[in-house]
Amino acid sequence: MKFGILLSGCGVYDGAEIQEAVLTMLAVKETGADYLCIGVDAQQHHVVNHITGEEMNESRNMLVEAARIARGEIRNIRDISPADIDGLIIPGGFGSAKNFTKWAFEGPDGSIMPEVKLLLVNMVNVGKPIAALCVSPVVLAKALEDAGLKTTMTIGTDEEDSPYDITAFAAGLEHTGVIPSMKSVREVHIDTENKIVTAPCYMMEADIVDVSRNIKSAVEALKTLA
């Protein structure tokens, strides 16, 4: 069994969340499955200095940056079809809301990259499961908003501490047609009808142990659906 891991770059503030990405790889291997890293050959929205949080005067390619996490073993999303993988996992990071979609700037009305939408829609159409971690449910929500599906997803809970406005994110998901579910970092949400797993991860105040356990639960659920 092989799962695709879709990476939006390299770095929490402008690409894929590195810890979530690596922990996803580890969790997949620990379940006895294998993984295939996937990237998009396009410029990321911007580059952020991860020490100061300030934007840097340079540009970077998502595929090239994601290859850092994948140790060079990565495939272009344009060369991937659902037949190549048994399921797909999207780690979090601001790249999901800045690169794959424009949610960070335009909210739930923002656009999604056509090649990302195509892969996600095709996965759902052939009945293969998808796990969206952290903020990445916004990518899946945008991909499926015109599909006529009644999906349920979590992006965290407003009943525990979070560095983000969970209520606003949940309202945004609802705007796209998703039924939001409030879950803590100790929980995952499983939409069995649509074969979608979502896990809050670093959307909540959490440490790396919490996130590792959350991702492991999500990967195990994904494998069961597959």
C-alpha atoms as a PDB file:
ATOM      1  CA  MET A   1       0.000   0.000   0.000  1.00  0.00           C
ATOM      2  CA  LYS A   2       1.329   3.441  -0.938  1.00  0.00           C
ATOM      3  CA  PHE A   3       0.124   6.870   0.174  1.00  0.00           C
ATOM      4  CA  GLY A   4       0.873  10.153  -1.572  1.00  0.00           C
ATOM      5  CA  ILE A   5       2.062  13.042   0.611  1.00  0.00           C
ATOM      6  CA  LEU A   6       1.280  16.381  -1.028  1.00  0.00           C
ATOM      7  CA  LEU A   7       3.737  19.110   0.012  1.00  0.00           C
ATOM      8  CA  SER A   8       3.239  22.853  -0.538  1.00  0.00           C
ATOM      9  CA  GLY A   9       6.874  23.833  -0.047  1.00  0.00           C
ATOM     10  CA  CYS A  10       9.209  23.715   2.956  1.00  0.00           C
ATOM     11  CA  GLY A  11       8.486  25.745   6.089  1.00  0.00           C
ATOM     12  CA  VAL A  12       5.415  26.442   8.188  1.00  0.00           C
ATOM     13  CA  TYR A  13       5.006  30.127   7.282  1.00  0.00           C
ATOM     14  CA  ASP A  14       5.303  29.833   3.506  1.00  0.00           C
ATOM     15  CA  GLY A  15       5.060  26.123   2.644  1.00  0.00           C
ATOM     16  CA  ALA A  16       4.488  22.723   4.220  1.00  0.00           C
ATOM     17  CA  GLU A  17       4.829  22.318   8.002  1.00  0.00           C
ATOM     18  CA  ILE A  18       8.070  20.362   8.202  1.00  0.00           C
ATOM     19  CA  GLN A  19       7.399  18.532  11.459  1.00  0.00           C
ATOM     20  CA  GLU A  20       3.950  17.445  10.270  1.00  0.00           C
ATOM     21  CA  ALA A  21       5.385  16.321   6.939  1.00  0.00           C
ATOM     22  CA  VAL A  22       8.171  14.234   8.481  1.00  0.00           C
ATOM     23  CA  LEU A  23       5.899  12.775  11.153  1.00  0.00           C
ATOM     24  CA  THR A  24       3.485  11.804   8.388  1.00  0.00           C
ATOM     25  CA  MET A  25       6.237   9.911   6.584  1.00  0.00           C
ATOM     26  CA  LEU A  26       7.171   8.160   9.807  1.00  0.00           C
ATOM     27  CA  ALA A  27       3.565   7.266  10.643  1.00  0.00           C
ATOM     28  CA  VAL A  28       2.997   5.833   7.172  1.00  0.00           C
ATOM     29  CA  LYS A  29       6.081   3.635   7.453  1.00  0.00           C
ATOM     30  CA  GLU A  30       5.147   2.525  10.956  1.00  0.00           C
ATOM     31  CA  THR A  31       1.775   1.277   9.675  1.00  0.00           C
ATOM     32  CA  GLY A  32       3.617  -0.944   7.191  1.00  0.00           C
ATOM     33  CA  ALA A  33       2.788   1.192   4.157  1.00  0.00           C
ATOM     34  CA  ASP A  34       5.009   3.269   1.880  1.00  0.00           C
ATOM     35  CA  TYR A  35       4.772   6.878   0.739  1.00  0.00           C
ATOM     36  CA  LEU A  36       5.306   8.947  -2.387  1.00  0.00           C
ATOM     37  CA  CYS A  37       6.055  12.650  -1.967  1.00  0.00           C
ATOM     38  CA  ILE A  38       4.290  14.940  -4.425  1.00  0.00           C
ATOM     39  CA  GLY A  39       4.938  18.617  -5.177  1.00  0.00           C
ATOM     40  CA  VAL A  40       3.758  21.376  -7.488  1.00  0.00           C
ATOM     41  CA  ASP A  41       6.130  22.956 -10.003  1.00  0.00           C
ATOM     42  CA  ALA A  42       5.145  26.585  -9.395  1.00  0.00           C
ATOM     43  CA  GLN A  43       6.372  29.580  -7.430  1.00  0.00           C
ATOM     44  CA  GLN A  44       5.183  29.849  -3.855  1.00  0.00           C
ATOM     45  CA  HIS A  45       3.323  33.034  -2.883  1.00  0.00           C
ATOM     46  CA  HIS A  46       6.278  34.493  -0.991  1.00  0.00           C
ATOM     47  CA  VAL A  47       9.269  33.566   1.160  1.00  0.00           C
ATOM     48  CA  VAL A  48       9.199  34.217   4.905  1.00  0.00           C
ATOM     49  CA  ASN A  49      12.159  34.527   7.247  1.00  0.00           C
ATOM     50  CA  HIS A  50      11.258  31.938   9.881  1.00  0.00           C
ATOM     51  CA  ILE A  51      13.251  33.776  12.570  1.00  0.00           C
ATOM     52  CA  THR A  52      11.728  37.243  12.169  1.00  0.00           C
ATOM     53  CA  GLY A  53       8.462  36.411  10.388  1.00  0.00           C
ATOM     54  CA  GLU A  54       9.289  39.056   7.771  1.00  0.00           C
ATOM     55  CA  GLU A  55       8.873  38.578   4.032  1.00  0.00           C
ATOM     56  CA  MET A  56      12.118  38.135   2.122  1.00  0.00           C
ATOM     57  CA  ASN A  57      12.954  39.645  -1.260  1.00  0.00           C
ATOM     58  CA  GLU A  58      13.291  36.377  -3.165  1.00  0.00           C
ATOM     59  CA  SER A  59      11.198  33.695  -4.823  1.00  0.00           C
ATOM     60  CA  ARG A  60      11.201  29.923  -4.442  1.00  0.00           C
ATOM     61  CA  ASN A  61       9.672  26.998  -6.295  1.00  0.00           C
ATOM     62  CA  MET A  62       7.308  24.740  -4.320  1.00  0.00           C
ATOM     63  CA  LEU A  63       8.539  21.531  -5.921  1.00  0.00           C
ATOM     64  CA  VAL A  64      12.209  22.386  -5.360  1.00  0.00           C
ATOM     65  CA  GLU A  65      11.550  23.396  -1.756  1.00  0.00           C
ATOM     66  CA  ALA A  66       9.414  20.318  -1.012  1.00  0.00           C
ATOM     67  CA  ALA A  67      12.234  18.147  -2.350  1.00  0.00           C
ATOM     68  CA  ARG A  68      14.257  19.232   0.691  1.00  0.00           C
ATOM     69  CA  ILE A  69      11.796  17.385   2.934  1.00  0.00           C
ATOM     70  CA  ALA A  70      11.560  14.437   0.533  1.00  0.00           C
ATOM     71  CA  ARG A  71      15.354  14.071   0.295  1.00  0.00           C
ATOM     72  CA  GLY A  72      15.021  14.599  -3.439  1.00  0.00           C
ATOM     73  CA  GLU A  73      12.568  11.741  -3.963  1.00  0.00           C
ATOM     74  CA  ILE A  74       9.527  13.658  -5.199  1.00  0.00           C
ATOM     75  CA  ARG A  75       7.126  13.621  -8.156  1.00  0.00           C
ATOM     76  CA  ASN A  76       5.427  16.489  -9.952  1.00  0.00           C
ATOM     77  CA  ILE A  77       1.683  16.509  -9.290  1.00  0.00           C
ATOM     78  CA  ARG A  78       1.096  16.687 -13.042  1.00  0.00           C
ATOM     79  CA  ASP A  79       2.652  13.213 -13.352  1.00  0.00           C
ATOM     80  CA  ILE A  80       0.437  11.649 -10.676  1.00  0.00           C
ATOM     81  CA  SER A  81      -2.941   9.970 -11.070  1.00  0.00           C
ATOM     82  CA  PRO A  82      -5.108   8.195  -8.467  1.00  0.00           C
ATOM     83  CA  ALA A  83      -3.931   4.872  -9.936  1.00  0.00           C
ATOM     84  CA  ASP A  84      -0.449   5.591  -8.534  1.00  0.00           C
ATOM     85  CA  ILE A  85      -1.491   5.771  -4.869  1.00  0.00           C
ATOM     86  CA  ASP A  86      -3.952   4.181  -2.442  1.00  0.00           C
ATOM     87  CA  GLY A  87      -4.653   7.393  -0.553  1.00  0.00           C
ATOM     88  CA  LEU A  88      -3.414  10.966  -0.188  1.00  0.00           C
ATOM     89  CA  ILE A  89      -2.230  12.947   2.832  1.00  0.00           C
ATOM     90  CA  ILE A  90      -1.878  16.746   2.911  1.00  0.00           C
ATOM     91  CA  PRO A  91       0.248  18.023   5.828  1.00  0.00           C
ATOM     92  CA  GLY A  92      -0.455  21.532   7.092  1.00  0.00           C
ATOM     93  CA  GLY A  93       1.542  24.720   6.891  1.00  0.00           C
ATOM     94  CA  PHE A  94       0.645  28.133   5.507  1.00  0.00           C
ATOM     95  CA  GLY A  95       1.434  26.836   2.022  1.00  0.00           C
ATOM     96  CA  SER A  96      -1.997  25.206   1.990  1.00  0.00           C
ATOM     97  CA  ALA A  97      -3.631  28.607   2.495  1.00  0.00           C
ATOM     98  CA  LYS A  98      -1.107  30.695   0.520  1.00  0.00           C
ATOM     99  CA  ASN A  99       0.151  28.456  -2.293  1.00  0.00           C
ATOM    100  CA  PHE A 100      -2.367  25.689  -2.968  1.00  0.00           C
ATOM    101  CA  THR A 101      -5.229  28.113  -2.299  1.00  0.00           C
ATOM    102  CA  LYS A 102      -5.620  31.838  -1.672  1.00  0.00           C
ATOM    103  CA  TRP A 103      -7.606  31.261   1.529  1.00  0.00           C
ATOM    104  CA  ALA A 104      -5.081  33.269   3.581  1.00  0.00           C
ATOM    105  CA  PHE A 105      -5.796  36.375   1.529  1.00  0.00           C
ATOM    106  CA  GLU A 106      -9.354  35.971   0.242  1.00  0.00           C
ATOM    107  CA  GLY A 107     -10.916  33.555   2.732  1.00  0.00           C
ATOM    108  CA  PRO A 108     -13.211  30.777   1.507  1.00  0.00           C
ATOM    109  CA  ASP A 109     -13.877  32.687  -1.731  1.00  0.00           C
ATOM    110  CA  GLY A 110     -10.216  32.414  -2.718  1.00  0.00           C
ATOM    111  CA  SER A 111      -9.104  30.268  -5.637  1.00  0.00           C
ATOM    112  CA  ILE A 112      -7.399  26.870  -5.632  1.00  0.00           C
ATOM    113  CA  MET A 113      -4.638  25.704  -7.970  1.00  0.00           C
ATOM    114  CA  PRO A 114      -6.267  23.722 -10.816  1.00  0.00           C
ATOM    115  CA  GLU A 115      -3.778  20.842 -10.659  1.00  0.00           C
ATOM    116  CA  VAL A 116      -4.329  20.440  -6.924  1.00  0.00           C
ATOM    117  CA  LYS A 117      -8.101  20.485  -7.333  1.00  0.00           C
ATOM    118  CA  LEU A 118      -7.906  17.951 -10.172  1.00  0.00           C
ATOM    119  CA  LEU A 119      -5.979  15.389  -8.138  1.00  0.00           C
ATOM    120  CA  LEU A 120      -8.212  15.741  -5.087  1.00  0.00           C
ATOM    121  CA  VAL A 121     -11.441  15.520  -7.083  1.00  0.00           C
ATOM    122  CA  ASN A 122     -10.171  12.527  -9.020  1.00  0.00           C
ATOM    123  CA  MET A 123      -9.187  10.767  -5.783  1.00  0.00           C
ATOM    124  CA  VAL A 124     -12.678  11.247  -4.382  1.00  0.00           C
ATOM    125  CA  ASN A 125     -14.320  10.220  -7.652  1.00  0.00           C
ATOM    126  CA  VAL A 126     -12.554   6.846  -7.645  1.00  0.00           C
ATOM    127  CA  GLY A 127     -13.215   6.275  -3.951  1.00  0.00           C
ATOM    128  CA  LYS A 128      -9.679   6.668  -2.634  1.00  0.00           C
ATOM    129  CA  PRO A 129      -9.291   8.275   0.815  1.00  0.00           C
ATOM    130  CA  ILE A 130      -7.729  11.620   1.681  1.00  0.00           C
ATOM    131  CA  ALA A 131      -6.330  12.853   5.002  1.00  0.00           C
ATOM    132  CA  ALA A 132      -6.014  16.617   5.500  1.00  0.00           C
ATOM    133  CA  LEU A 133      -3.935  17.720   8.482  1.00  0.00           C
ATOM    134  CA  CYS A 134      -3.855  21.019  10.371  1.00  0.00           C
ATOM    135  CA  VAL A 135      -5.092  23.844   8.071  1.00  0.00           C
ATOM    136  CA  SER A 136      -5.214  21.650   4.958  1.00  0.00           C
ATOM    137  CA  PRO A 137      -8.963  20.945   5.191  1.00  0.00           C
ATOM    138  CA  VAL A 138      -9.300  24.361   3.515  1.00  0.00           C
ATOM    139  CA  VAL A 139      -7.633  22.879   0.421  1.00  0.00           C
ATOM    140  CA  LEU A 140      -9.954  19.906   0.344  1.00  0.00           C
ATOM    141  CA  ALA A 141     -12.981  22.110   0.994  1.00  0.00           C
ATOM    142  CA  LYS A 142     -12.098  24.345  -1.969  1.00  0.00           C
ATOM    143  CA  ALA A 143     -11.491  21.347  -4.210  1.00  0.00           C
ATOM    144  CA  LEU A 144     -14.865  19.778  -3.441  1.00  0.00           C
ATOM    145  CA  GLU A 145     -17.088  22.838  -3.005  1.00  0.00           C
ATOM    146  CA  ASP A 146     -18.783  22.321  -6.386  1.00  0.00           C
ATOM    147  CA  ALA A 147     -18.914  18.523  -6.178  1.00  0.00           C
ATOM    148  CA  GLY A 148     -22.338  18.304  -4.570  1.00  0.00           C
ATOM    149  CA  LEU A 149     -21.029  16.248  -1.632  1.00  0.00           C
ATOM    150  CA  LYS A 150     -22.016  16.589   2.013  1.00  0.00           C
ATOM    151  CA  THR A 151     -18.613  16.410   3.657  1.00  0.00           C
ATOM    152  CA  THR A 152     -17.660  16.781   7.312  1.00  0.00           C
ATOM    153  CA  MET A 153     -14.227  17.953   8.465  1.00  0.00           C
ATOM    154  CA  THR A 154     -12.443  19.347  11.495  1.00  0.00           C
ATOM    155  CA  ILE A 155      -9.910  22.136  11.699  1.00  0.00           C
ATOM    156  CA  GLY A 156      -9.753  22.121  15.513  1.00  0.00           C
ATOM    157  CA  THR A 157     -11.985  23.169  18.374  1.00  0.00           C
ATOM    158  CA  ASP A 158     -12.887  26.534  19.868  1.00  0.00           C
ATOM    159  CA  GLU A 159     -13.164  24.940  23.313  1.00  0.00           C
ATOM    160  CA  GLU A 160      -9.380  24.671  23.792  1.00  0.00           C
ATOM    161  CA  ASP A 161      -6.444  27.022  23.221  1.00  0.00           C
ATOM    162  CA  SER A 162      -5.369  27.692  19.647  1.00  0.00           C
ATOM    163  CA  PRO A 163      -3.034  30.229  18.026  1.00  0.00           C
ATOM    164  CA  TYR A 164      -5.704  30.702  15.349  1.00  0.00           C
ATOM    165  CA  ASP A 165      -9.347  31.747  15.134  1.00  0.00           C
ATOM    166  CA  ILE A 166     -10.922  28.299  14.936  1.00  0.00           C
ATOM    167  CA  THR A 167     -14.441  29.721  14.876  1.00  0.00           C
ATOM    168  CA  ALA A 168     -13.632  31.795  11.784  1.00  0.00           C
ATOM    169  CA  PHE A 169     -11.979  28.852  10.032  1.00  0.00           C
ATOM    170  CA  ALA A 170     -14.961  26.629  10.809  1.00  0.00           C
ATOM    171  CA  ALA A 171     -17.303  29.294   9.408  1.00  0.00           C
ATOM    172  CA  GLY A 172     -15.158  29.419   6.272  1.00  0.00           C
ATOM    173  CA  LEU A 173     -15.414  25.669   5.829  1.00  0.00           C
ATOM    174  CA  GLU A 174     -19.172  25.924   6.263  1.00  0.00           C
ATOM    175  CA  HIS A 175     -19.247  28.626   3.583  1.00  0.00           C
ATOM    176  CA  THR A 176     -17.803  26.124   1.093  1.00  0.00           C
ATOM    177  CA  GLY A 177     -20.419  23.523   2.009  1.00  0.00           C
ATOM    178  CA  VAL A 178     -18.484  21.534   4.622  1.00  0.00           C
ATOM    179  CA  ILE A 179     -20.135  20.601   7.918  1.00  0.00           C
ATOM    180  CA  PRO A 180     -17.460  21.515  10.509  1.00  0.00           C
ATOM    181  CA  SER A 181     -16.749  19.270  13.483  1.00  0.00           C
ATOM    182  CA  MET A 182     -14.985  20.486  16.623  1.00  0.00           C
ATOM    183  CA  LYS A 183     -12.107  18.169  17.538  1.00  0.00           C
ATOM    184  CA  SER A 184      -9.074  18.542  19.801  1.00  0.00           C
ATOM    185  CA  VAL A 185      -5.491  17.581  18.971  1.00  0.00           C
ATOM    186  CA  ARG A 186      -6.229  14.290  20.730  1.00  0.00           C
ATOM    187  CA  GLU A 187      -8.907  13.438  18.168  1.00  0.00           C
ATOM    188  CA  VAL A 188      -9.391  12.931  14.448  1.00  0.00           C
ATOM    189  CA  HIS A 189     -12.577  13.291  12.456  1.00  0.00           C
ATOM    190  CA  ILE A 190     -13.507  10.512  10.035  1.00  0.00           C
ATOM    191  CA  ASP A 191     -16.047  11.134   7.266  1.00  0.00           C
ATOM    192  CA  THR A 192     -16.587   7.507   6.344  1.00  0.00           C
ATOM    193  CA  GLU A 193     -19.081   8.231   3.566  1.00  0.00           C
ATOM    194  CA  ASN A 194     -16.622  10.381   1.615  1.00  0.00           C
ATOM    195  CA  LYS A 195     -13.453   8.653   2.904  1.00  0.00           C
ATOM    196  CA  ILE A 196     -12.004  11.843   4.391  1.00  0.00           C
ATOM    197  CA  VAL A 197      -9.887  12.047   7.555  1.00  0.00           C
ATOM    198  CA  THR A 198      -9.051  15.384   9.171  1.00  0.00           C
ATOM    199  CA  ALA A 199      -6.827  16.090  12.186  1.00  0.00           C
ATOM    200  CA  PRO A 200      -6.153  19.448  13.934  1.00  0.00           C
ATOM    201  CA  CYS A 201      -2.414  18.989  14.652  1.00  0.00           C
ATOM    202  CA  TYR A 202      -0.750  22.411  15.051  1.00  0.00           C
ATOM    203  CA  MET A 203      -4.018  24.301  14.568  1.00  0.00           C
ATOM    204  CA  MET A 204      -4.258  23.754  18.328  1.00  0.00           C
ATOM    205  CA  GLU A 205      -1.766  24.646  21.067  1.00  0.00           C
ATOM    206  CA  ALA A 206       0.230  21.428  20.973  1.00  0.00           C
ATOM    207  CA  ASP A 207       3.733  20.068  21.204  1.00  0.00           C
ATOM    208  CA  ILE A 208       5.438  17.675  18.833  1.00  0.00           C
ATOM    209  CA  VAL A 209       4.378  14.608  20.847  1.00  0.00           C
ATOM    210  CA  ASP A 210       0.705  15.631  20.656  1.00  0.00           C
ATOM    211  CA  VAL A 211       1.012  16.242  16.932  1.00  0.00           C
ATOM    212  CA  SER A 212       2.826  12.953  16.334  1.00  0.00           C
ATOM    213  CA  ARG A 213       0.040  11.013  18.038  1.00  0.00           C
ATOM    214  CA  ASN A 214      -2.617  12.955  16.145  1.00  0.00           C
ATOM    215  CA  ILE A 215      -0.964  12.225  12.801  1.00  0.00           C
ATOM    216  CA  LYS A 216      -0.508   8.554  13.649  1.00  0.00           C
ATOM    217  CA  SER A 217      -4.232   8.280  14.414  1.00  0.00           C
ATOM    218  CA  ALA A 218      -5.056   9.998  11.119  1.00  0.00           C
ATOM    219  CA  VAL A 219      -2.785   7.720   9.096  1.00  0.00           C
ATOM    220  CA  GLU A 220      -4.201   4.620  10.765  1.00  0.00           C
ATOM    221  CA  ALA A 221      -7.729   5.808   9.950  1.00  0.00           C
ATOM    222  CA  LEU A 222      -6.686   6.514   6.354  1.00  0.00           C
ATOM    223  CA  LYS A 223      -5.241   3.019   5.997  1.00  0.00           C
ATOM    224  CA  THR A 224      -8.473   1.505   7.308  1.00  0.00           C
ATOM    225  CA  LEU A 225     -10.492   3.483   4.753  1.00  0.00           C
ATOM    226  CA  ALA A 226      -8.116   2.396   1.983  1.00  0.00           C
END
